[in-house]
Protein backbone atom coordinates (compact mmCIF):
# COMPACT_ATOMS: atom_id res chain seq x y z
CA MET A 1 33.93 -21.70 -129.22
CA LEU A 2 31.11 -22.91 -131.48
CA PRO A 3 31.98 -25.21 -134.39
CA VAL A 4 32.16 -23.31 -137.67
CA SER A 5 28.94 -24.86 -138.98
CA LEU A 6 26.98 -23.95 -135.85
CA SER A 7 28.50 -20.48 -135.78
CA LEU A 8 27.45 -19.82 -139.37
CA ALA A 9 23.97 -21.18 -138.70
CA TRP A 10 23.56 -18.93 -135.68
CA SER A 11 24.78 -15.95 -137.71
CA ALA A 12 22.25 -16.69 -140.45
CA LEU A 13 19.46 -17.05 -137.89
CA SER A 14 20.34 -13.68 -136.34
CA ILE A 15 20.29 -11.98 -139.73
CA GLN A 16 16.99 -13.60 -140.61
CA ARG A 17 15.37 -12.38 -137.40
CA ALA A 18 16.72 -8.89 -137.96
CA LEU A 19 15.34 -8.76 -141.47
CA ALA A 20 11.91 -9.88 -140.23
CA VAL A 21 11.45 -6.73 -138.13
CA GLU A 22 9.28 -4.42 -140.21
CA PRO A 23 8.57 -0.81 -139.19
CA GLN A 24 4.85 -0.13 -138.83
CA ARG A 25 3.43 3.37 -138.97
CA VAL A 26 1.53 3.96 -135.72
CA GLY A 27 0.89 7.69 -135.72
CA SER A 28 1.99 11.18 -136.67
CA VAL A 29 2.51 14.54 -134.99
CA ASP A 30 -0.29 16.39 -136.73
CA HIS A 31 0.32 19.83 -135.24
CA GLN A 32 0.99 22.87 -137.41
CA LEU A 33 3.88 24.20 -135.32
CA VAL A 34 5.78 20.91 -135.48
CA ASP A 35 6.83 21.35 -139.08
CA GLU A 36 10.31 19.77 -139.28
CA GLN A 37 10.55 17.24 -136.50
CA SER A 38 14.04 16.27 -135.41
CA GLY A 39 14.91 14.70 -132.04
CA ILE A 40 12.74 12.56 -129.77
CA VAL A 41 13.18 10.99 -126.35
CA GLN A 42 10.80 9.11 -124.09
CA SER A 43 10.20 10.60 -120.65
CA ARG A 44 11.18 8.41 -117.72
CA ARG A 45 9.17 10.56 -115.32
CA TRP A 46 5.78 10.91 -116.98
CA PRO A 47 3.72 8.04 -118.47
CA ASP A 48 3.11 7.86 -122.23
CA THR A 49 5.11 11.03 -122.79
CA TYR A 50 7.71 11.79 -125.43
CA TRP A 51 9.56 15.04 -126.05
CA VAL A 52 10.18 16.29 -129.61
CA HIS A 53 11.51 19.46 -131.21
CA ASN A 54 11.88 21.06 -134.60
CA ASP A 55 15.10 21.31 -136.57
CA SER A 56 17.21 24.45 -136.95
CA GLY A 57 15.72 27.92 -136.92
CA ASP A 58 12.75 27.31 -134.65
CA GLU A 59 12.05 29.00 -131.34
CA ALA A 60 13.57 27.54 -128.18
CA ARG A 61 10.73 25.16 -127.35
CA LEU A 62 9.78 21.53 -126.94
CA PHE A 63 6.56 19.68 -127.65
CA ALA A 64 5.31 16.80 -125.52
CA ILE A 65 3.40 14.06 -127.35
CA ASP A 66 2.03 10.60 -126.65
CA ALA A 67 2.97 7.45 -128.58
CA THR A 68 0.42 8.21 -131.32
CA GLY A 69 1.73 11.75 -131.85
CA ALA A 70 -1.08 13.58 -130.07
CA VAL A 71 0.27 16.82 -128.62
CA ILE A 72 0.03 17.21 -124.84
CA VAL A 73 -1.22 20.54 -123.48
CA PRO A 74 -1.68 21.42 -119.80
CA PRO A 75 -5.41 21.00 -119.04
CA PHE A 76 -5.74 24.55 -117.73
CA LEU A 77 -4.63 25.84 -121.15
CA GLU A 78 -6.67 23.55 -123.39
CA GLN A 79 -9.36 26.17 -123.96
CA ARG A 80 -6.83 28.84 -124.91
CA TYR A 81 -5.05 26.90 -127.67
CA HIS A 82 -5.83 24.33 -130.31
CA THR A 83 -3.74 21.38 -131.44
CA GLY A 84 -3.68 19.76 -134.84
CA PRO A 85 -3.19 21.01 -138.40
CA ALA A 86 -3.40 24.63 -139.47
CA ARG A 87 -6.91 25.98 -139.70
CA ARG A 88 -8.44 29.23 -140.78
CA ARG A 89 -9.41 31.46 -137.90
CA THR A 90 -12.96 32.41 -138.77
CA LYS A 91 -13.48 34.79 -135.92
CA ARG A 92 -11.45 36.90 -133.58
CA GLY A 93 -11.91 34.61 -130.59
CA ASP A 94 -10.63 31.42 -132.25
CA PRO A 95 -7.71 29.99 -130.25
CA PRO A 96 -4.18 30.06 -131.70
CA PRO A 97 -2.11 26.87 -132.02
CA TRP A 98 -0.38 25.52 -128.92
CA PRO A 99 3.12 27.08 -129.05
CA GLY A 100 4.83 24.29 -127.14
CA LEU A 101 6.80 24.41 -123.91
CA THR A 102 9.13 27.40 -123.88
CA VAL A 103 12.73 26.66 -122.88
CA GLU A 104 13.68 29.85 -121.08
CA GLY A 105 17.32 30.90 -121.25
CA ALA A 106 18.04 28.94 -124.43
CA SER A 107 18.45 29.77 -128.09
CA HIS A 108 17.77 27.38 -130.95
CA VAL A 109 20.65 27.48 -133.42
CA ASP A 110 20.48 23.87 -134.60
CA TRP A 111 18.98 21.48 -132.07
CA GLU A 112 19.40 17.91 -133.29
CA ASP A 113 18.63 15.43 -130.51
CA LEU A 114 17.41 14.95 -126.97
CA ALA A 115 18.53 12.68 -124.15
CA THR A 116 17.48 12.08 -120.55
CA ASP A 117 18.96 10.63 -117.38
CA GLY A 118 15.55 10.22 -115.78
CA GLU A 119 15.63 13.58 -114.04
CA HIS A 120 17.02 16.00 -116.61
CA LEU A 121 16.56 16.66 -120.30
CA PHE A 122 19.62 17.33 -122.44
CA ILE A 123 19.13 19.30 -125.65
CA GLY A 124 21.97 18.91 -128.12
CA ASP A 125 22.57 22.18 -129.99
CA MET A 126 25.12 20.23 -132.01
CA GLY A 127 23.99 20.68 -135.61
CA ASN A 128 27.04 21.61 -137.65
CA ASN A 129 26.27 21.03 -141.32
CA GLY A 130 29.16 23.12 -142.60
CA ASN A 131 31.53 21.98 -139.83
CA ALA A 132 32.30 25.62 -139.00
CA ARG A 133 30.45 26.25 -135.73
CA ARG A 134 32.39 27.29 -132.63
CA ASP A 135 29.35 27.53 -130.33
CA LEU A 136 28.31 23.88 -129.98
CA GLY A 137 26.88 22.72 -126.70
CA VAL A 138 24.17 21.09 -124.63
CA TYR A 139 21.34 22.70 -122.69
CA VAL A 140 20.45 21.03 -119.40
CA LEU A 141 17.06 21.43 -117.75
CA ARG A 142 15.13 19.58 -115.10
CA GLU A 143 12.43 17.67 -116.93
CA PRO A 144 9.12 19.52 -116.47
CA ASN A 145 5.64 18.06 -116.20
CA PRO A 146 4.09 18.83 -119.61
CA ARG A 147 0.59 18.54 -118.15
CA ALA A 148 1.27 21.17 -115.50
CA VAL A 149 3.52 23.92 -116.91
CA SER A 150 4.07 25.80 -120.16
CA SER A 151 7.74 26.71 -119.70
CA ALA A 152 10.95 25.47 -118.12
CA ARG A 153 14.18 27.31 -117.38
CA VAL A 154 17.59 26.07 -118.44
CA LEU A 155 19.82 25.03 -115.55
CA SER A 156 23.02 25.33 -117.56
CA PHE A 157 24.60 25.39 -121.00
CA ILE A 158 27.63 23.15 -121.45
CA PRO A 159 29.85 24.37 -124.32
CA VAL A 160 31.72 21.57 -126.09
CA ALA A 161 34.35 21.08 -128.78
CA TYR A 162 35.90 18.14 -130.60
CA PRO A 163 39.49 17.24 -129.68
CA SER A 164 40.72 16.87 -133.26
CA GLN A 165 39.05 19.86 -134.91
CA SER A 166 41.56 22.67 -135.39
CA SER A 167 40.09 24.54 -138.37
CA PHE A 168 36.64 26.01 -139.02
CA PRO A 169 35.34 24.69 -141.31
CA ALA A 170 37.20 21.47 -140.71
CA LYS A 171 39.42 19.86 -143.33
CA GLN A 172 37.48 16.64 -142.80
CA TRP A 173 33.72 17.10 -142.35
CA HIS A 174 33.27 14.72 -139.42
CA PHE A 175 32.08 17.21 -136.78
CA ASP A 176 28.32 17.32 -137.15
CA CYS A 177 26.23 15.49 -134.54
CA GLU A 178 22.57 14.47 -134.47
CA ALA A 179 22.79 11.64 -131.92
CA LEU A 180 22.86 12.02 -128.15
CA PHE A 181 22.43 9.49 -125.32
CA THR A 182 23.29 8.96 -121.66
CA HIS A 183 25.02 5.99 -120.06
CA SER A 184 26.19 5.56 -116.46
CA GLY A 185 25.81 9.26 -115.72
CA ARG A 186 27.76 10.32 -118.80
CA LEU A 187 26.61 12.05 -121.97
CA TYR A 188 27.65 10.60 -125.34
CA PHE A 189 27.66 11.92 -128.90
CA VAL A 190 27.70 10.00 -132.21
CA THR A 191 28.85 12.06 -135.16
CA LYS A 192 27.38 12.48 -138.64
CA HIS A 193 29.95 12.49 -141.46
CA ARG A 194 29.99 14.13 -144.89
CA ALA A 195 32.35 14.30 -147.81
CA THR A 196 34.43 17.44 -147.28
CA GLY A 197 32.71 20.53 -148.63
CA GLN A 198 29.58 18.64 -149.66
CA ILE A 199 26.65 19.08 -147.28
CA THR A 200 24.46 16.56 -149.11
CA ALA A 201 27.13 13.85 -149.61
CA PRO A 202 26.97 11.32 -146.75
CA GLU A 203 29.86 9.23 -145.48
CA PRO A 204 28.86 6.06 -143.60
CA SER A 205 31.50 6.25 -140.87
CA ALA A 206 30.90 7.62 -137.35
CA ASP A 207 32.79 8.51 -134.19
CA LEU A 208 31.67 8.20 -130.58
CA TYR A 209 32.57 10.90 -128.05
CA ARG A 210 32.01 11.29 -124.31
CA LEU A 211 31.53 14.39 -122.17
CA ASP A 212 33.76 14.08 -119.10
CA SER A 213 33.48 17.60 -117.67
CA TRP A 214 30.46 19.87 -117.20
CA GLU A 215 32.01 23.32 -116.94
CA THR A 216 29.85 26.27 -117.91
CA ASP A 217 32.51 29.00 -118.07
CA HIS A 218 34.81 27.40 -120.63
CA VAL A 219 34.67 24.90 -123.47
CA ASN A 220 34.64 21.22 -122.55
CA VAL A 221 36.71 19.13 -124.95
CA LEU A 222 34.99 15.83 -125.69
CA ALA A 223 36.85 12.55 -125.24
CA HIS A 224 37.05 10.32 -128.32
CA VAL A 225 35.83 6.83 -127.43
CA ASP A 226 35.25 4.75 -130.54
CA HIS A 227 34.94 4.65 -134.34
CA HIS A 228 32.90 2.69 -136.86
CA ALA A 229 34.07 2.63 -140.47
CA ASP A 230 30.79 1.77 -142.20
CA LEU A 231 27.27 1.96 -140.79
CA GLY A 232 25.69 2.08 -144.24
CA GLY A 233 24.57 5.69 -143.86
CA TRP A 234 25.14 8.84 -141.86
CA VAL A 235 23.97 8.85 -138.24
CA THR A 236 20.80 10.81 -137.45
CA ALA A 237 19.86 9.71 -133.89
CA ALA A 238 20.66 7.37 -131.00
CA ASP A 239 19.10 6.17 -127.75
CA LEU A 240 20.03 3.68 -125.03
CA SER A 241 17.45 1.08 -123.99
CA PRO A 242 15.67 1.51 -120.62
CA ASP A 243 17.65 -1.38 -119.11
CA GLY A 244 20.90 0.04 -120.45
CA GLU A 245 21.68 -3.14 -122.38
CA ARG A 246 21.44 -1.98 -126.01
CA LEU A 247 22.19 1.17 -127.96
CA ALA A 248 19.97 2.00 -130.94
CA VAL A 249 21.70 4.03 -133.65
CA LEU A 250 19.60 5.35 -136.54
CA VAL A 251 21.25 5.90 -139.91
CA GLY A 252 19.96 7.57 -143.05
CA ALA A 253 21.31 8.01 -146.56
CA PRO A 254 22.41 6.19 -148.53
CA THR A 255 20.98 3.08 -146.79
CA PRO A 256 18.44 3.80 -144.01
CA GLY A 257 18.71 1.35 -141.14
CA LEU A 258 18.82 0.82 -137.40
CA TRP A 259 21.78 -0.63 -135.56
CA LEU A 260 21.49 -2.30 -132.16
CA PHE A 261 24.78 -2.43 -130.28
CA ASP A 262 25.17 -4.44 -127.09
CA THR A 263 26.44 -2.39 -124.17
CA PRO A 264 30.09 -3.39 -123.66
CA GLU A 265 30.82 -5.46 -120.57
CA VAL A 266 33.95 -3.39 -120.02
CA GLY A 267 34.43 0.21 -121.10
CA ASP A 268 32.14 2.13 -123.42
CA ALA A 269 33.27 1.34 -126.97
CA PHE A 270 29.68 0.80 -128.12
CA LEU A 271 30.43 0.97 -131.83
CA SER A 272 32.85 -1.97 -131.55
CA SER A 273 30.53 -4.24 -129.59
CA THR A 274 28.27 -7.04 -130.87
CA SER A 275 25.57 -5.61 -133.11
CA GLU A 276 22.55 -6.31 -135.28
CA HIS A 277 21.44 -4.32 -138.30
CA LEU A 278 17.79 -3.77 -139.22
CA PRO A 279 17.03 -2.33 -142.67
CA LEU A 280 14.23 0.24 -142.45
CA GLY A 281 13.06 0.55 -146.03
CA ASP A 282 10.85 3.51 -146.88
CA VAL A 283 10.41 5.51 -143.67
CA GLY A 284 11.08 8.93 -145.17
CA GLN A 285 13.84 11.14 -143.80
CA ALA A 286 14.21 9.41 -140.44
CA GLU A 287 15.62 11.80 -137.83
CA GLY A 288 14.62 10.47 -134.40
CA VAL A 289 14.74 7.23 -132.42
CA THR A 290 13.73 6.32 -128.88
CA TRP A 291 12.99 3.18 -126.92
CA ALA A 292 9.34 2.91 -125.86
CA SER A 293 10.09 -0.27 -123.87
CA GLY A 294 12.67 -3.05 -123.77
CA ASP A 295 11.43 -4.56 -127.03
CA ARG A 296 9.74 -1.62 -128.74
CA ILE A 297 11.43 1.21 -130.62
CA LEU A 298 9.88 4.31 -132.15
CA VAL A 299 11.39 5.98 -135.21
CA THR A 300 10.26 9.42 -136.38
CA ASN A 301 10.92 11.37 -139.55
CA GLU A 302 10.98 15.03 -140.56
CA GLN A 303 7.56 14.57 -142.11
CA ARG A 304 6.28 13.90 -138.52
CA ALA A 305 5.35 10.23 -139.01
CA ILE A 306 5.92 7.75 -136.17
CA PHE A 307 6.99 4.17 -136.90
CA GLU A 308 7.15 1.29 -134.44
CA LEU A 309 9.58 -1.63 -134.47
CA LEU A 310 8.73 -4.63 -132.30
CA LEU A 311 11.86 -6.65 -131.54
CA GLU A 312 11.63 -10.40 -130.99
């Protein structure tokens, strides 16, 4: 064990390094059909490719972008569609905006986050603002090549439920989820909490759940794994680093920040492991986070801006 003086010095050094990490704006998704950006995940199959989607109420579709926010369109369709901001069509032959990659066999109730295991994409239809939904679940699809196809078909829909929710809406509004990630072949969920009956009143606590079964013909009850009493804000996204060593958890109101949790040596109680906290300052309504590399994190907001954090 370190002497108390050395331990305190090391703690102060860690905090100082965390505070020195400043988010830098590096791009934006300037495409008219991406109007309320929510989840993001980096592809592990295709270079310089990230998948994003809109928040609730959009069509069942994804948009592929690069690290600057430029929208990716299959080359054979580039002449048929345009990308970028809305523009007036001055003549009949002007191309319409690129509609994104259609996710066939899915519906978009309230998609909130994306995750990947390197082969599949997982779309979390887990938005539950009023804590009253009974149709929560995850769409699974084999990750398509965004430069080669314009649609992908869902392989399965995995319906899920929380083990402690017995009323709809719940008595305690702790059953919304905007954060999804994979670890060791399992899918995990970090919940977003509100004061009961108050959609706009955040609570800074969070729970971690794990999906242990993948049945498609009945509801899969999630396993409760861990709890954190105070993250400073409600959770809006999460992503595990490419090497599997650190979990990034993005939090919003009242105090926007990014938590980095070490992957536990035993078990999967991420929220109880060693952590660092990075204040984010003014990054807008941050809704998405993904690792671009082992020391580089991208944060996105609903206003479609992309911020980069370079970790030391």
